[in-house]
């Protein structure tokens, strides 16, 4: 239920739907606060304002665990320590 609204949101930017474009900083990386604010505003515009960025990260991690070995899922989710990753998502591993 989350994937389709996010795809629609990404599609609003045309062929570069997953790229964040900033008129203020044309050639330099955007700051983390700017990125967080932009993500929250985009979710709010699509009626998903109750979602947090942590919810999205958790959803991604759970989806990775469903299709990948735990070590690979942890790496893709930015966890250098698989044990810590599995500790956070242990209940999801048991459901597999």
Protein backbone atom coordinates (compact mmCIF):
# COMPACT_ATOMS: atom_id res chain seq x y z
CA UNK A 1 0.00 0.00 0.00
CA UNK A 2 2.99 2.31 0.43
CA UNK A 3 4.77 1.57 -2.84
CA UNK A 4 2.21 3.02 -5.26
CA UNK A 5 1.87 6.44 -3.58
CA UNK A 6 5.67 6.72 -3.45
CA UNK A 7 5.96 5.79 -7.14
CA UNK A 8 3.36 8.42 -7.97
CA UNK A 9 5.29 10.95 -5.91
CA UNK A 10 8.54 10.06 -7.69
CA UNK A 11 6.77 10.37 -11.04
CA UNK A 12 5.95 14.01 -10.37
CA UNK A 13 9.57 14.85 -11.22
CA UNK A 14 9.31 13.35 -14.72
CA UNK A 15 12.06 11.03 -15.95
CA UNK A 16 14.26 11.88 -12.98
CA UNK A 17 11.62 10.95 -10.40
CA UNK A 18 14.06 9.67 -7.80
CA UNK A 19 16.43 12.63 -8.06
CA UNK A 20 16.02 15.59 -5.74
CA UNK A 21 16.48 18.81 -7.68
CA UNK A 22 17.28 21.99 -5.82
CA UNK A 23 17.16 25.44 -7.36
CA UNK A 24 19.14 26.83 -4.42
CA UNK A 25 22.15 24.52 -4.80
CA UNK A 26 22.38 23.58 -8.46
CA UNK A 27 25.73 21.78 -8.40
CA UNK A 28 26.45 21.00 -4.78
CA UNK A 29 25.04 18.27 -2.52
CA UNK A 30 21.97 19.15 -0.53
CA UNK A 31 22.22 19.22 3.23
CA UNK A 32 20.59 16.53 5.36
CA UNK A 33 18.11 18.97 6.97
CA UNK A 34 17.06 20.13 3.49
CA UNK A 35 16.60 16.55 2.34
CA UNK A 36 14.56 15.61 5.42
CA UNK A 37 12.35 18.68 5.05
CA UNK A 38 11.83 17.99 1.33
CA UNK A 39 10.91 14.35 2.01
CA UNK A 40 8.44 15.31 4.74
CA UNK A 41 6.82 17.95 2.53
CA UNK A 42 6.53 15.47 -0.36
CA UNK A 43 4.89 12.87 1.87
CA UNK A 44 2.50 15.48 3.25
CA UNK A 45 1.49 16.58 -0.28
CA UNK A 46 0.54 12.97 -1.08
CA UNK A 47 -1.54 12.56 2.09
CA UNK A 48 1.15 10.47 3.79
CA UNK A 49 2.15 13.06 6.38
CA UNK A 50 1.66 10.60 9.24
CA UNK A 51 4.58 8.51 7.97
CA UNK A 52 7.98 9.20 9.40
CA UNK A 53 11.27 8.69 7.62
CA UNK A 54 11.99 5.98 10.18
CA UNK A 55 8.82 4.20 9.03
CA UNK A 56 10.11 4.28 5.46
CA UNK A 57 13.52 2.99 6.47
CA UNK A 58 11.95 0.17 8.51
CA UNK A 59 9.68 -0.76 5.61
CA UNK A 60 12.69 -0.91 3.28
CA UNK A 61 14.63 -3.08 5.74
CA UNK A 62 11.71 -5.49 6.15
CA UNK A 63 11.34 -5.78 2.38
CA UNK A 64 15.05 -6.49 2.04
CA UNK A 65 14.86 -9.19 4.70
CA UNK A 66 12.03 -10.84 2.78
CA UNK A 67 14.18 -11.39 -0.31
CA UNK A 68 17.82 -11.36 0.80
CA UNK A 69 20.06 -13.14 3.28
CA UNK A 70 20.30 -11.14 6.53
CA UNK A 71 23.93 -10.16 5.91
CA UNK A 72 23.12 -8.63 2.51
CA UNK A 73 19.95 -6.94 3.80
CA UNK A 74 21.96 -5.38 6.65
CA UNK A 75 24.61 -4.12 4.24
CA UNK A 76 22.03 -2.58 1.88
CA UNK A 77 20.34 -0.87 4.81
CA UNK A 78 23.57 0.70 6.02
CA UNK A 79 24.19 -1.52 9.03
CA UNK A 80 27.86 -2.55 9.24
CA UNK A 81 26.96 -4.97 12.05
CA UNK A 82 24.54 -7.72 11.00
CA UNK A 83 23.87 -8.70 14.62
CA UNK A 84 22.67 -5.18 15.43
CA UNK A 85 20.49 -5.18 12.32
CA UNK A 86 18.98 -8.53 13.24
CA UNK A 87 18.41 -7.35 16.80
CA UNK A 88 16.36 -4.44 15.50
CA UNK A 89 14.34 -6.55 13.07
CA UNK A 90 14.31 -9.90 14.91
CA UNK A 91 10.53 -10.13 14.89
CA UNK A 92 10.54 -9.82 11.09
CA UNK A 93 13.15 -12.57 10.70
CA UNK A 94 10.95 -14.93 12.75
CA UNK A 95 7.99 -14.28 10.42
CA UNK A 96 9.91 -15.54 7.34
